[in-house]
Each structure stands twice: as C-alpha cells, then as structure tokens.
Amino acid sequence: MYFALSILLLYGFFYSYIFLCWRCTDINGLHLLIVCEPFLCCRSNIYAHIFLFIWLVPKSIFYRLQVGFVAAVVVDDGVTVVTRAARVNSSVSGRGLYKKLETHVLNESKIKVHAFTTGDDNPITEKQSFKSVNQLLITKPIVRFVFDKCDLQTLETETENLIVPTDEELTAFLSNDVIRQYFFRKDRIVVDLVPYRAIPANVPFLKAPNRMEIVSDVKISEVTKAKGLLTICTTYASQVPPFVCNLDVFGTDISSLKSHVVYHLRHIRKETIGSVCLLLYVDEVFDMTELDNVFQCIGLQRNDLIYSCPERVCTKLYLYEKHLA
C-alpha cells in the first residue's frame, strides 16, 4: 500500500511540470502550436499532488485538453516572423505559459526578426523591460466610427478616379522608390494589423480573397514626388458589433480622401448586416480635421471608445520589431 502510494507521488511530482505538445507547421502559411495540459499541480502541497494526479491523469487518457496556442506567419521573403494570434486558457493563466509558447514558436521559425503590432492600451508597452528588447518603428493614430449600415444612405461622391490595382500594379508600387517613400513610413506597411516590409514579395498577403478591398489614385507628379492615396479595407464578422472593418490609409494627400471613404463605405453597406465598427489607421501627420469633416458630411461621428469595452480607449497602433538571438 505505502509502496504503491510512493510510486504514485513520485510519478505525479515528475509529471507535474510536463506539457504534451504537438507541432503543426505550414497550415495555410501559419505555424501552429497546440499545448495540452494533463497535469499542472501545486508543488507546495503534497495532498494537492495526489488529488490532481488522480483526477487529471484518467481524463487525459480519454481526451486532450487544449489550453493554449500561438499562430505566426513568415513574411518579407523569409526575413520576418509575425505573430498573428495567441490564446491561453484561463485555467492556466498567470503561469508564464504564453511566453513559453511564443518563445517556442519563434525559435521553431528559425527567423531572426520578430514583428508585431499592439495598441497604446496595452500596459506592457510602458515597461522598461519591454522597451529594452523591442524597437518601436511606427505609430499610427486610430480613428473609430460605430454605425449601422442603414445610416449609409448618402454616398453620392464620385469615385471614378479610383482604380483597383492589379497584382502587377501593386508590385510596381512596391518597386518604386518614390512611391514607397511617400506611402510607407520606415519602409513598412501595416494591413489589417499585420506588418510587412514594403517589398514585392508581400503582394500576395495584401490581397486576401473576399475580405479586402484595395483602391488607389496614386500619381507621380514629378520625378521625386508622389500624391494620392492607397487604401485597403478588410471586413470580417465579429460578435459585438456584428462586423468590424479595418481601413488602412496610406499617404497624406487629402484631396481624394472623400472618394476613398465613400468607395469603402459602399462596399461595407453591401457586405455587412447591422452594426459596424470602422477603424481607420492613418499616418501620424494626417489631417485629422479634414478626416472628421469628410465623415461629418456623410453623417457619421467619431467614437474613440472600444465598442465592446467602453472603459478602455485605444487611440494608437504601434509596430514593434525585435531581433531574435
């Protein structure tokens, strides 16, 4: 009896640190890590070991409890790994699991540069330990509008001056130094919260089928000067509100701003049902007064609160990069 109990205790003690991991790579370009937790025991209480070991081991035999994942994609022609999503089950939160998962995925990618975006409502960006290892490259103001598609009645502005660029035209944009310097600060382009380098190899990522609308009125008026705007709107279903649209605006020429806004609002009116949260990401020096005027003419007022979490305010998007060892 005592011998069997001793074996049980040693077995539970040893496996209380074990995570069973299955790694799946190259699923639609994503690197996925799923972690299963058969036992996470309290080492400070031996009775907890006995209890948790007895109850959790039999359960792990019949099913595997998925408690966390990190998803990342390799972009920039193999130069950069971008973390796209991560979740950790609340049952294991606060135990450092997320950091272990992320470190594992980044190491597995074999890439030397890690890029990611976050908002100014993320408290970790204020920590010195974070700032010491992550370089802030770009800050983009966020402007938020919440409305019902029924509010989009008067959208009469002409949009014939806009074109939907082909892959070849986007490749030409990203190959032209004048256009790149005008549109893409620090030679980076952030689309739907995902950062890329402004290089032709990333064109396939910029045109996700059925979700993105890209329009442009780019012109080079002189050998060294570009004007116009490039706008990319990504629409996806959500819970509250039912739809969210990320509208990325590149360039600072406001002369065609209303045409771009109306074009995308027409698409939103066609593709959505009910309430919509529209988030615009613009350049730091963008004329915010003119932007507000354009939306006021359409009948929409800015709402800078996060729709599903009114106590939080997110007004800026940050792009960070970190060089991996």
C-alpha atoms as a PDB file:
ATOM      1  CA  MET A   1       0.000   0.000   0.000  1.00  0.00           C
ATOM      2  CA  TYR A   2       2.702   2.501   1.057  1.00  0.00           C
ATOM      3  CA  PHE A   3       4.933   1.406  -1.828  1.00  0.00           C
ATOM      4  CA  ALA A   4       2.137   1.997  -4.348  1.00  0.00           C
ATOM      5  CA  LEU A   5       1.388   5.399  -2.837  1.00  0.00           C
ATOM      6  CA  SER A   6       5.076   6.353  -3.006  1.00  0.00           C
ATOM      7  CA  ILE A   7       5.229   5.428  -6.696  1.00  0.00           C
ATOM      8  CA  LEU A   8       2.073   7.438  -7.314  1.00  0.00           C
ATOM      9  CA  LEU A   9       3.513  10.507  -5.589  1.00  0.00           C
ATOM     10  CA  LEU A  10       6.818  10.321  -7.459  1.00  0.00           C
ATOM     11  CA  TYR A  11       5.021   9.862 -10.766  1.00  0.00           C
ATOM     12  CA  GLY A  12       2.739  12.825 -10.100  1.00  0.00           C
ATOM     13  CA  PHE A  13       5.620  15.005  -8.893  1.00  0.00           C
ATOM     14  CA  PHE A  14       7.660  14.274 -12.010  1.00  0.00           C
ATOM     15  CA  TYR A  15       4.863  14.869 -14.463  1.00  0.00           C
ATOM     16  CA  SER A  16       3.539  18.000 -12.773  1.00  0.00           C
ATOM     17  CA  TYR A  17       5.931  20.006 -14.990  1.00  0.00           C
ATOM     18  CA  ILE A  18       5.285  18.128 -18.201  1.00  0.00           C
ATOM     19  CA  PHE A  19       3.420  19.663 -21.160  1.00  0.00           C
ATOM     20  CA  LEU A  20       2.430  17.403 -24.029  1.00  0.00           C
ATOM     21  CA  CYS A  21       2.951  19.354 -27.251  1.00  0.00           C
ATOM     22  CA  TRP A  22       2.000  18.698 -30.853  1.00  0.00           C
ATOM     23  CA  ARG A  23       3.515  20.983 -33.504  1.00  0.00           C
ATOM     24  CA  CYS A  24       1.783  21.515 -36.844  1.00  0.00           C
ATOM     25  CA  THR A  25       3.582  23.664 -39.403  1.00  0.00           C
ATOM     26  CA  ASP A  26       2.691  25.081 -42.791  1.00  0.00           C
ATOM     27  CA  ILE A  27      -1.084  25.110 -42.419  1.00  0.00           C
ATOM     28  CA  ASN A  28      -2.143  27.909 -44.777  1.00  0.00           C
ATOM     29  CA  GLY A  29       1.213  29.529 -44.111  1.00  0.00           C
ATOM     30  CA  LEU A  30       0.728  29.528 -40.331  1.00  0.00           C
ATOM     31  CA  HIS A  31       2.896  27.861 -37.737  1.00  0.00           C
ATOM     32  CA  LEU A  32       0.666  26.453 -35.020  1.00  0.00           C
ATOM     33  CA  LEU A  33       1.492  25.098 -31.596  1.00  0.00           C
ATOM     34  CA  ILE A  34      -1.176  23.355 -29.540  1.00  0.00           C
ATOM     35  CA  VAL A  35      -0.382  22.600 -25.930  1.00  0.00           C
ATOM     36  CA  CYS A  36      -2.141  20.033 -23.811  1.00  0.00           C
ATOM     37  CA  GLU A  37      -2.040  20.113 -20.028  1.00  0.00           C
ATOM     38  CA  PRO A  38      -2.533  16.682 -18.489  1.00  0.00           C
ATOM     39  CA  PHE A  39      -1.460  17.926 -15.059  1.00  0.00           C
ATOM     40  CA  LEU A  40      -0.395  21.246 -13.663  1.00  0.00           C
ATOM     41  CA  CYS A  41      -0.099  20.565  -9.953  1.00  0.00           C
ATOM     42  CA  CYS A  42       0.578  22.674  -6.903  1.00  0.00           C
ATOM     43  CA  ARG A  43       4.106  21.709  -5.798  1.00  0.00           C
ATOM     44  CA  SER A  44       3.702  23.366  -2.406  1.00  0.00           C
ATOM     45  CA  ASN A  45       1.019  20.938  -1.246  1.00  0.00           C
ATOM     46  CA  ILE A  46       1.625  17.211  -1.485  1.00  0.00           C
ATOM     47  CA  TYR A  47      -2.048  16.439  -0.996  1.00  0.00           C
ATOM     48  CA  ALA A  48      -2.861  18.576  -3.996  1.00  0.00           C
ATOM     49  CA  HIS A  49      -0.491  16.371  -5.980  1.00  0.00           C
ATOM     50  CA  ILE A  50      -2.387  13.260  -5.016  1.00  0.00           C
ATOM     51  CA  PHE A  51      -5.791  14.772  -5.730  1.00  0.00           C
ATOM     52  CA  LEU A  52      -4.950  16.423  -9.052  1.00  0.00           C
ATOM     53  CA  PHE A  53      -2.909  13.494 -10.249  1.00  0.00           C
ATOM     54  CA  ILE A  54      -5.674  11.003  -9.589  1.00  0.00           C
ATOM     55  CA  TRP A  55      -8.337  13.119 -11.276  1.00  0.00           C
ATOM     56  CA  LEU A  56      -6.446  14.582 -14.211  1.00  0.00           C
ATOM     57  CA  VAL A  57      -4.462  11.600 -15.434  1.00  0.00           C
ATOM     58  CA  PRO A  58      -7.526   9.429 -16.196  1.00  0.00           C
ATOM     59  CA  LYS A  59      -9.134  12.385 -18.006  1.00  0.00           C
ATOM     60  CA  SER A  60      -6.023  12.936 -20.127  1.00  0.00           C
ATOM     61  CA  ILE A  61      -6.206   9.328 -21.267  1.00  0.00           C
ATOM     62  CA  PHE A  62      -9.621   9.864 -22.846  1.00  0.00           C
ATOM     63  CA  TYR A  63      -9.178  13.379 -24.215  1.00  0.00           C
ATOM     64  CA  ARG A  64      -6.500  16.022 -24.517  1.00  0.00           C
ATOM     65  CA  LEU A  65      -7.236  19.426 -23.047  1.00  0.00           C
ATOM     66  CA  GLN A  66      -6.059  22.206 -25.358  1.00  0.00           C
ATOM     67  CA  VAL A  67      -5.034  25.123 -23.181  1.00  0.00           C
ATOM     68  CA  GLY A  68      -3.112  27.423 -25.488  1.00  0.00           C
ATOM     69  CA  PHE A  69      -1.811  28.222 -28.930  1.00  0.00           C
ATOM     70  CA  VAL A  70       0.348  30.717 -30.788  1.00  0.00           C
ATOM     71  CA  ALA A  71      -0.033  31.332 -34.512  1.00  0.00           C
ATOM     72  CA  ALA A  72       2.630  33.057 -36.605  1.00  0.00           C
ATOM     73  CA  VAL A  73       3.375  33.608 -40.273  1.00  0.00           C
ATOM     74  CA  VAL A  74       6.699  34.107 -42.043  1.00  0.00           C
ATOM     75  CA  VAL A  75       6.699  37.171 -44.341  1.00  0.00           C
ATOM     76  CA  ASP A  76       9.144  39.527 -46.048  1.00  0.00           C
ATOM     77  CA  ASP A  77      10.525  36.764 -48.257  1.00  0.00           C
ATOM     78  CA  GLY A  78      11.616  34.748 -45.236  1.00  0.00           C
ATOM     79  CA  VAL A  79      13.143  37.621 -43.251  1.00  0.00           C
ATOM     80  CA  THR A  80      10.467  38.226 -40.594  1.00  0.00           C
ATOM     81  CA  VAL A  81       8.140  36.140 -38.439  1.00  0.00           C
ATOM     82  CA  VAL A  82       4.907  37.876 -37.382  1.00  0.00           C
ATOM     83  CA  THR A  83       2.779  36.621 -34.510  1.00  0.00           C
ATOM     84  CA  ARG A  84      -0.851  36.705 -35.616  1.00  0.00           C
ATOM     85  CA  ALA A  85      -2.810  35.305 -32.701  1.00  0.00           C
ATOM     86  CA  ALA A  86      -2.359  33.725 -29.281  1.00  0.00           C
ATOM     87  CA  ARG A  87      -4.674  32.455 -26.595  1.00  0.00           C
ATOM     88  CA  VAL A  88      -4.165  30.783 -23.230  1.00  0.00           C
ATOM     89  CA  ASN A  89      -6.977  29.095 -21.333  1.00  0.00           C
ATOM     90  CA  SER A  90      -7.967  30.968 -18.181  1.00  0.00           C
ATOM     91  CA  SER A  91      -7.370  27.778 -16.182  1.00  0.00           C
ATOM     92  CA  VAL A  92      -3.605  28.207 -16.646  1.00  0.00           C
ATOM     93  CA  SER A  93      -3.296  31.987 -16.934  1.00  0.00           C
ATOM     94  CA  GLY A  94      -0.609  33.696 -14.907  1.00  0.00           C
ATOM     95  CA  ARG A  95       1.819  30.755 -15.079  1.00  0.00           C
ATOM     96  CA  GLY A  96       4.069  32.032 -17.848  1.00  0.00           C
ATOM     97  CA  LEU A  97       2.594  29.651 -20.414  1.00  0.00           C
ATOM     98  CA  TYR A  98       2.056  32.307 -23.106  1.00  0.00           C
ATOM     99  CA  LYS A  99       5.696  33.383 -23.015  1.00  0.00           C
ATOM    100  CA  LYS A 100       6.871  29.779 -23.268  1.00  0.00           C
ATOM    101  CA  LEU A 101       4.594  29.156 -26.248  1.00  0.00           C
ATOM    102  CA  GLU A 102       5.691  32.293 -28.073  1.00  0.00           C
ATOM    103  CA  THR A 103       9.384  31.604 -27.453  1.00  0.00           C
ATOM    104  CA  HIS A 104       8.969  28.060 -28.757  1.00  0.00           C
ATOM    105  CA  VAL A 105       7.214  29.186 -31.931  1.00  0.00           C
ATOM    106  CA  LEU A 106       9.765  31.930 -32.631  1.00  0.00           C
ATOM    107  CA  ASN A 107      12.625  29.501 -32.134  1.00  0.00           C
ATOM    108  CA  GLU A 108      10.975  26.945 -34.393  1.00  0.00           C
ATOM    109  CA  SER A 109      10.582  29.532 -37.168  1.00  0.00           C
ATOM    110  CA  LYS A 110      14.393  29.862 -37.479  1.00  0.00           C
ATOM    111  CA  ILE A 111      13.834  33.535 -38.360  1.00  0.00           C
ATOM    112  CA  LYS A 112      15.936  36.328 -36.856  1.00  0.00           C
ATOM    113  CA  VAL A 113      13.401  39.202 -36.826  1.00  0.00           C
ATOM    114  CA  HIS A 114      10.101  39.184 -34.922  1.00  0.00           C
ATOM    115  CA  ALA A 115       7.499  41.856 -35.793  1.00  0.00           C
ATOM    116  CA  PHE A 116       4.163  42.542 -34.138  1.00  0.00           C
ATOM    117  CA  THR A 117       1.591  45.280 -33.573  1.00  0.00           C
ATOM    118  CA  THR A 118      -0.208  46.322 -30.414  1.00  0.00           C
ATOM    119  CA  GLY A 119      -2.253  49.252 -29.140  1.00  0.00           C
ATOM    120  CA  ASP A 120      -1.461  52.053 -26.718  1.00  0.00           C
ATOM    121  CA  ASP A 121      -3.948  50.476 -24.295  1.00  0.00           C
ATOM    122  CA  ASN A 122      -1.528  47.575 -23.741  1.00  0.00           C
ATOM    123  CA  PRO A 123       0.231  48.280 -20.417  1.00  0.00           C
ATOM    124  CA  ILE A 124       3.262  46.176 -21.312  1.00  0.00           C
ATOM    125  CA  THR A 125       4.417  48.874 -23.750  1.00  0.00           C
ATOM    126  CA  GLU A 126       5.191  51.111 -20.760  1.00  0.00           C
ATOM    127  CA  LYS A 127       7.540  48.613 -19.105  1.00  0.00           C
ATOM    128  CA  GLN A 128      11.261  49.279 -19.428  1.00  0.00           C
ATOM    129  CA  SER A 129      11.988  45.566 -19.823  1.00  0.00           C
ATOM    130  CA  PHE A 130       9.740  45.556 -22.909  1.00  0.00           C
ATOM    131  CA  LYS A 131      11.239  48.728 -24.373  1.00  0.00           C
ATOM    132  CA  SER A 132      14.785  47.441 -23.940  1.00  0.00           C
ATOM    133  CA  VAL A 133      14.279  44.496 -26.319  1.00  0.00           C
ATOM    134  CA  ASN A 134      11.590  45.764 -28.725  1.00  0.00           C
ATOM    135  CA  GLN A 135      12.179  48.641 -31.153  1.00  0.00           C
ATOM    136  CA  LEU A 136       9.241  50.953 -31.873  1.00  0.00           C
ATOM    137  CA  LEU A 137       9.202  51.600 -35.632  1.00  0.00           C
ATOM    138  CA  ILE A 138       5.840  53.164 -36.409  1.00  0.00           C
ATOM    139  CA  THR A 139       2.983  54.838 -34.553  1.00  0.00           C
ATOM    140  CA  LYS A 140      -0.346  55.091 -36.385  1.00  0.00           C
ATOM    141  CA  PRO A 141      -3.334  57.045 -34.999  1.00  0.00           C
ATOM    142  CA  ILE A 142      -6.595  55.093 -34.854  1.00  0.00           C
ATOM    143  CA  VAL A 143      -9.910  56.767 -35.639  1.00  0.00           C
ATOM    144  CA  ARG A 144     -13.066  54.817 -34.799  1.00  0.00           C
ATOM    145  CA  PHE A 145     -16.636  55.070 -36.101  1.00  0.00           C
ATOM    146  CA  VAL A 146     -19.564  52.915 -34.980  1.00  0.00           C
ATOM    147  CA  PHE A 147     -22.721  52.967 -37.085  1.00  0.00           C
ATOM    148  CA  ASP A 148     -25.482  50.880 -38.613  1.00  0.00           C
ATOM    149  CA  LYS A 149     -25.385  50.106 -42.309  1.00  0.00           C
ATOM    150  CA  CYS A 150     -28.775  51.798 -42.564  1.00  0.00           C
ATOM    151  CA  ASP A 151     -27.003  55.075 -41.730  1.00  0.00           C
ATOM    152  CA  LEU A 152     -25.103  54.883 -45.026  1.00  0.00           C
ATOM    153  CA  GLN A 153     -27.708  56.487 -47.267  1.00  0.00           C
ATOM    154  CA  THR A 154     -25.962  59.473 -48.869  1.00  0.00           C
ATOM    155  CA  LEU A 155     -22.881  58.165 -50.652  1.00  0.00           C
ATOM    156  CA  GLU A 156     -23.029  60.165 -53.855  1.00  0.00           C
ATOM    157  CA  THR A 157     -19.398  61.277 -54.222  1.00  0.00           C
ATOM    158  CA  GLU A 158     -17.754  60.337 -57.498  1.00  0.00           C
ATOM    159  CA  THR A 159     -15.235  57.502 -57.225  1.00  0.00           C
ATOM    160  CA  GLU A 160     -14.417  57.015 -60.917  1.00  0.00           C
ATOM    161  CA  ASN A 161     -10.944  58.445 -60.346  1.00  0.00           C
ATOM    162  CA  LEU A 162     -10.053  55.417 -58.218  1.00  0.00           C
ATOM    163  CA  ILE A 163      -8.629  52.182 -59.570  1.00  0.00           C
ATOM    164  CA  VAL A 164      -8.442  48.694 -58.124  1.00  0.00           C
ATOM    165  CA  PRO A 165      -4.759  47.873 -58.606  1.00  0.00           C
ATOM    166  CA  THR A 166      -3.794  44.519 -60.038  1.00  0.00           C
ATOM    167  CA  ASP A 167      -1.040  42.375 -58.570  1.00  0.00           C
ATOM    168  CA  GLU A 168       1.283  43.737 -61.232  1.00  0.00           C
ATOM    169  CA  GLU A 169       0.420  47.334 -60.308  1.00  0.00           C
ATOM    170  CA  LEU A 170       0.930  46.669 -56.604  1.00  0.00           C
ATOM    171  CA  THR A 171       4.270  45.093 -57.433  1.00  0.00           C
ATOM    172  CA  ALA A 172       5.169  48.226 -59.375  1.00  0.00           C
ATOM    173  CA  PHE A 173       4.156  50.401 -56.391  1.00  0.00           C
ATOM    174  CA  LEU A 174       6.386  48.423 -54.054  1.00  0.00           C
ATOM    175  CA  SER A 175       9.247  48.517 -56.548  1.00  0.00           C
ATOM    176  CA  ASN A 176       9.134  52.296 -56.998  1.00  0.00           C
ATOM    177  CA  ASP A 177      11.336  54.172 -54.506  1.00  0.00           C
ATOM    178  CA  VAL A 178       9.364  57.441 -54.851  1.00  0.00           C
ATOM    179  CA  ILE A 179       6.022  55.769 -54.119  1.00  0.00           C
ATOM    180  CA  ARG A 180       7.463  53.683 -51.279  1.00  0.00           C
ATOM    181  CA  GLN A 181       8.987  56.678 -49.533  1.00  0.00           C
ATOM    182  CA  TYR A 182       5.728  58.630 -49.789  1.00  0.00           C
ATOM    183  CA  PHE A 183       3.333  55.895 -48.690  1.00  0.00           C
ATOM    184  CA  PHE A 184       5.232  53.637 -46.345  1.00  0.00           C
ATOM    185  CA  ARG A 185       6.992  55.142 -43.343  1.00  0.00           C
ATOM    186  CA  LYS A 186      10.192  53.268 -42.389  1.00  0.00           C
ATOM    187  CA  ASP A 187       9.581  51.138 -45.489  1.00  0.00           C
ATOM    188  CA  ARG A 188       6.887  49.205 -43.598  1.00  0.00           C
ATOM    189  CA  ILE A 189       3.259  48.583 -44.496  1.00  0.00           C
ATOM    190  CA  VAL A 190       0.677  47.517 -41.897  1.00  0.00           C
ATOM    191  CA  VAL A 191      -2.502  45.944 -43.306  1.00  0.00           C
ATOM    192  CA  ASP A 192      -5.242  44.579 -41.057  1.00  0.00           C
ATOM    193  CA  LEU A 193      -2.874  44.888 -38.075  1.00  0.00           C
ATOM    194  CA  VAL A 194      -0.227  42.738 -39.785  1.00  0.00           C
ATOM    195  CA  PRO A 195       3.149  44.376 -40.513  1.00  0.00           C
ATOM    196  CA  TYR A 196       5.137  43.767 -43.688  1.00  0.00           C
ATOM    197  CA  ARG A 197       8.149  45.287 -45.354  1.00  0.00           C
ATOM    198  CA  ALA A 198       7.226  47.272 -48.463  1.00  0.00           C
ATOM    199  CA  ILE A 199       8.646  44.751 -50.928  1.00  0.00           C
ATOM    200  CA  PRO A 200       7.049  42.977 -53.931  1.00  0.00           C
ATOM    201  CA  ALA A 201       7.316  39.562 -52.249  1.00  0.00           C
ATOM    202  CA  ASN A 202       4.486  40.564 -49.886  1.00  0.00           C
ATOM    203  CA  VAL A 203       1.907  41.389 -52.575  1.00  0.00           C
ATOM    204  CA  PRO A 204       0.070  38.024 -52.160  1.00  0.00           C
ATOM    205  CA  PHE A 205      -0.510  38.827 -48.464  1.00  0.00           C
ATOM    206  CA  LEU A 206      -2.100  42.185 -49.299  1.00  0.00           C
ATOM    207  CA  LYS A 207      -4.939  40.707 -51.348  1.00  0.00           C
ATOM    208  CA  ALA A 208      -6.711  38.155 -49.205  1.00  0.00           C
ATOM    209  CA  PRO A 209      -9.653  36.898 -51.295  1.00  0.00           C
ATOM    210  CA  ASN A 210     -13.169  38.058 -50.406  1.00  0.00           C
ATOM    211  CA  ARG A 211     -12.062  40.127 -47.409  1.00  0.00           C
ATOM    212  CA  MET A 212     -10.019  43.038 -48.719  1.00  0.00           C
ATOM    213  CA  GLU A 213     -10.871  45.962 -50.943  1.00  0.00           C
ATOM    214  CA  ILE A 214      -7.896  47.917 -52.317  1.00  0.00           C
ATOM    215  CA  VAL A 215      -8.233  51.178 -54.247  1.00  0.00           C
ATOM    216  CA  SER A 216      -5.732  53.790 -55.316  1.00  0.00           C
ATOM    217  CA  ASP A 217      -5.353  57.087 -57.136  1.00  0.00           C
ATOM    218  CA  VAL A 218      -1.565  57.135 -56.956  1.00  0.00           C
ATOM    219  CA  LYS A 219       0.227  59.557 -59.249  1.00  0.00           C
ATOM    220  CA  ILE A 220       3.807  60.728 -59.600  1.00  0.00           C
ATOM    221  CA  SER A 221       3.554  64.433 -60.426  1.00  0.00           C
ATOM    222  CA  GLU A 222       7.298  64.923 -60.572  1.00  0.00           C
ATOM    223  CA  VAL A 223      10.289  62.627 -60.719  1.00  0.00           C
ATOM    224  CA  THR A 224      10.671  62.772 -56.952  1.00  0.00           C
ATOM    225  CA  LYS A 225       7.092  63.459 -55.760  1.00  0.00           C
ATOM    226  CA  ALA A 226       4.052  61.200 -55.417  1.00  0.00           C
ATOM    227  CA  LYS A 227       0.485  62.089 -54.458  1.00  0.00           C
ATOM    228  CA  GLY A 228      -2.854  60.417 -53.949  1.00  0.00           C
ATOM    229  CA  LEU A 229      -3.892  57.706 -51.522  1.00  0.00           C
ATOM    230  CA  LEU A 230      -3.755  53.946 -51.300  1.00  0.00           C
ATOM    231  CA  THR A 231      -6.484  52.477 -49.076  1.00  0.00           C
ATOM    232  CA  ILE A 232      -7.103  48.888 -48.041  1.00  0.00           C
ATOM    233  CA  CYS A 233     -10.279  47.870 -46.177  1.00  0.00           C
ATOM    234  CA  THR A 234     -10.612  44.468 -44.502  1.00  0.00           C
ATOM    235  CA  THR A 235     -14.053  43.336 -43.367  1.00  0.00           C
ATOM    236  CA  TYR A 236     -14.763  40.416 -41.084  1.00  0.00           C
ATOM    237  CA  ALA A 237     -17.570  39.119 -38.910  1.00  0.00           C
ATOM    238  CA  SER A 238     -17.403  39.750 -35.179  1.00  0.00           C
ATOM    239  CA  GLN A 239     -19.675  39.391 -32.148  1.00  0.00           C
ATOM    240  CA  VAL A 240     -20.114  42.911 -30.795  1.00  0.00           C
ATOM    241  CA  PRO A 241     -20.704  44.590 -33.158  1.00  0.00           C
ATOM    242  CA  PRO A 242     -21.547  42.013 -35.861  1.00  0.00           C
ATOM    243  CA  PHE A 243     -18.910  43.414 -38.252  1.00  0.00           C
ATOM    244  CA  VAL A 244     -15.523  45.093 -37.906  1.00  0.00           C
ATOM    245  CA  CYS A 245     -13.725  46.871 -40.754  1.00  0.00           C
ATOM    246  CA  ASN A 246     -10.065  47.882 -40.653  1.00  0.00           C
ATOM    247  CA  LEU A 247      -9.407  50.690 -43.139  1.00  0.00           C
ATOM    248  CA  ASP A 248      -5.685  51.296 -43.656  1.00  0.00           C
ATOM    249  CA  VAL A 249      -4.925  54.651 -45.279  1.00  0.00           C
ATOM    250  CA  PHE A 250      -1.511  55.214 -46.883  1.00  0.00           C
ATOM    251  CA  GLY A 251      -0.414  58.664 -47.939  1.00  0.00           C
ATOM    252  CA  THR A 252      -1.356  62.127 -46.674  1.00  0.00           C
ATOM    253  CA  ASP A 253      -2.932  63.738 -49.756  1.00  0.00           C
ATOM    254  CA  ILE A 254      -6.463  64.633 -48.583  1.00  0.00           C
ATOM    255  CA  SER A 255      -7.727  65.824 -51.997  1.00  0.00           C
ATOM    256  CA  SER A 256      -9.178  62.384 -52.785  1.00  0.00           C
ATOM    257  CA  LEU A 257      -9.965  61.311 -49.215  1.00  0.00           C
ATOM    258  CA  LYS A 258     -13.748  61.571 -49.567  1.00  0.00           C
ATOM    259  CA  SER A 259     -13.734  59.459 -52.728  1.00  0.00           C
ATOM    260  CA  HIS A 260     -11.796  56.718 -50.917  1.00  0.00           C
ATOM    261  CA  VAL A 261     -14.056  56.823 -47.860  1.00  0.00           C
ATOM    262  CA  VAL A 262     -17.248  56.694 -49.938  1.00  0.00           C
ATOM    263  CA  TYR A 263     -15.904  53.821 -52.047  1.00  0.00           C
ATOM    264  CA  HIS A 264     -15.241  51.690 -48.967  1.00  0.00           C
ATOM    265  CA  LEU A 265     -18.491  52.653 -47.229  1.00  0.00           C
ATOM    266  CA  ARG A 266     -20.419  51.496 -50.302  1.00  0.00           C
ATOM    267  CA  HIS A 267     -18.649  48.156 -50.049  1.00  0.00           C
ATOM    268  CA  ILE A 268     -19.371  47.971 -46.316  1.00  0.00           C
ATOM    269  CA  ARG A 269     -23.057  48.744 -46.951  1.00  0.00           C
ATOM    270  CA  LYS A 270     -23.172  45.894 -49.453  1.00  0.00           C
ATOM    271  CA  GLU A 271     -21.283  43.283 -47.415  1.00  0.00           C
ATOM    272  CA  THR A 272     -22.481  43.823 -43.826  1.00  0.00           C
ATOM    273  CA  ILE A 273     -25.652  43.476 -41.767  1.00  0.00           C
ATOM    274  CA  GLY A 274     -26.494  45.576 -38.723  1.00  0.00           C
ATOM    275  CA  SER A 275     -23.905  47.477 -36.699  1.00  0.00           C
ATOM    276  CA  VAL A 276     -20.361  48.064 -37.929  1.00  0.00           C
ATOM    277  CA  CYS A 277     -17.211  49.252 -36.187  1.00  0.00           C
ATOM    278  CA  LEU A 278     -14.947  51.015 -38.696  1.00  0.00           C
ATOM    279  CA  LEU A 279     -11.356  51.658 -37.634  1.00  0.00           C
ATOM    280  CA  LEU A 280      -9.113  53.927 -39.705  1.00  0.00           C
ATOM    281  CA  TYR A 281      -5.341  53.679 -39.380  1.00  0.00           C
ATOM    282  CA  VAL A 282      -3.620  56.756 -40.771  1.00  0.00           C
ATOM    283  CA  ASP A 283      -0.218  58.451 -40.891  1.00  0.00           C
ATOM    284  CA  GLU A 284       0.986  60.439 -37.865  1.00  0.00           C
ATOM    285  CA  VAL A 285       0.849  63.702 -39.849  1.00  0.00           C
ATOM    286  CA  PHE A 286      -2.553  63.062 -41.437  1.00  0.00           C
ATOM    287  CA  ASP A 287      -5.007  65.984 -41.418  1.00  0.00           C
ATOM    288  CA  MET A 288      -7.460  64.799 -38.747  1.00  0.00           C
ATOM    289  CA  THR A 289      -9.665  67.865 -39.112  1.00  0.00           C
ATOM    290  CA  GLU A 290     -10.309  67.102 -42.759  1.00  0.00           C
ATOM    291  CA  LEU A 291     -10.914  63.452 -41.951  1.00  0.00           C
ATOM    292  CA  ASP A 292     -13.578  64.412 -39.394  1.00  0.00           C
ATOM    293  CA  ASN A 293     -15.142  66.817 -41.910  1.00  0.00           C
ATOM    294  CA  VAL A 294     -15.440  64.079 -44.531  1.00  0.00           C
ATOM    295  CA  PHE A 295     -17.274  61.748 -42.162  1.00  0.00           C
ATOM    296  CA  GLN A 296     -19.478  64.527 -40.800  1.00  0.00           C
ATOM    297  CA  CYS A 297     -20.603  65.285 -44.360  1.00  0.00           C
ATOM    298  CA  ILE A 298     -21.629  61.643 -44.632  1.00  0.00           C
ATOM    299  CA  GLY A 299     -23.419  61.854 -41.278  1.00  0.00           C
ATOM    300  CA  LEU A 300     -21.010  59.821 -39.125  1.00  0.00           C
ATOM    301  CA  GLN A 301     -19.425  60.956 -35.860  1.00  0.00           C
ATOM    302  CA  ARG A 302     -16.196  59.670 -34.387  1.00  0.00           C
ATOM    303  CA  ASN A 303     -16.382  57.215 -31.448  1.00  0.00           C
ATOM    304  CA  ASP A 304     -12.980  56.633 -29.861  1.00  0.00           C
ATOM    305  CA  LEU A 305     -14.127  54.070 -27.293  1.00  0.00           C
ATOM    306  CA  ILE A 306     -13.604  50.376 -27.866  1.00  0.00           C
ATOM    307  CA  TYR A 307     -17.080  49.184 -28.773  1.00  0.00           C
ATOM    308  CA  SER A 308     -17.165  46.080 -26.586  1.00  0.00           C
ATOM    309  CA  CYS A 309     -15.101  47.565 -23.738  1.00  0.00           C
ATOM    310  CA  PRO A 310     -16.042  51.232 -23.131  1.00  0.00           C
ATOM    311  CA  GLU A 311     -13.669  51.658 -20.175  1.00  0.00           C
ATOM    312  CA  ARG A 312     -10.685  51.200 -22.488  1.00  0.00           C
ATOM    313  CA  VAL A 313      -9.541  53.751 -25.044  1.00  0.00           C
ATOM    314  CA  CYS A 314      -7.138  52.756 -27.812  1.00  0.00           C
ATOM    315  CA  THR A 315      -6.039  55.662 -29.993  1.00  0.00           C
ATOM    316  CA  LYS A 316      -2.708  54.489 -31.436  1.00  0.00           C
ATOM    317  CA  LEU A 317      -1.312  51.400 -33.128  1.00  0.00           C
ATOM    318  CA  TYR A 318       2.344  50.563 -32.515  1.00  0.00           C
ATOM    319  CA  LEU A 319       4.603  48.476 -34.746  1.00  0.00           C
ATOM    320  CA  TYR A 320       7.491  46.815 -32.936  1.00  0.00           C
ATOM    321  CA  GLU A 321      10.393  44.709 -34.135  1.00  0.00           C
ATOM    322  CA  LYS A 322      12.771  42.559 -32.164  1.00  0.00           C
ATOM    323  CA  HIS A 323      15.933  40.812 -33.331  1.00  0.00           C
ATOM    324  CA  LEU A 324      15.998  37.230 -32.128  1.00  0.00           C
ATOM    325  CA  ALA A 325      19.150  35.598 -30.808  1.00  0.00           C
END
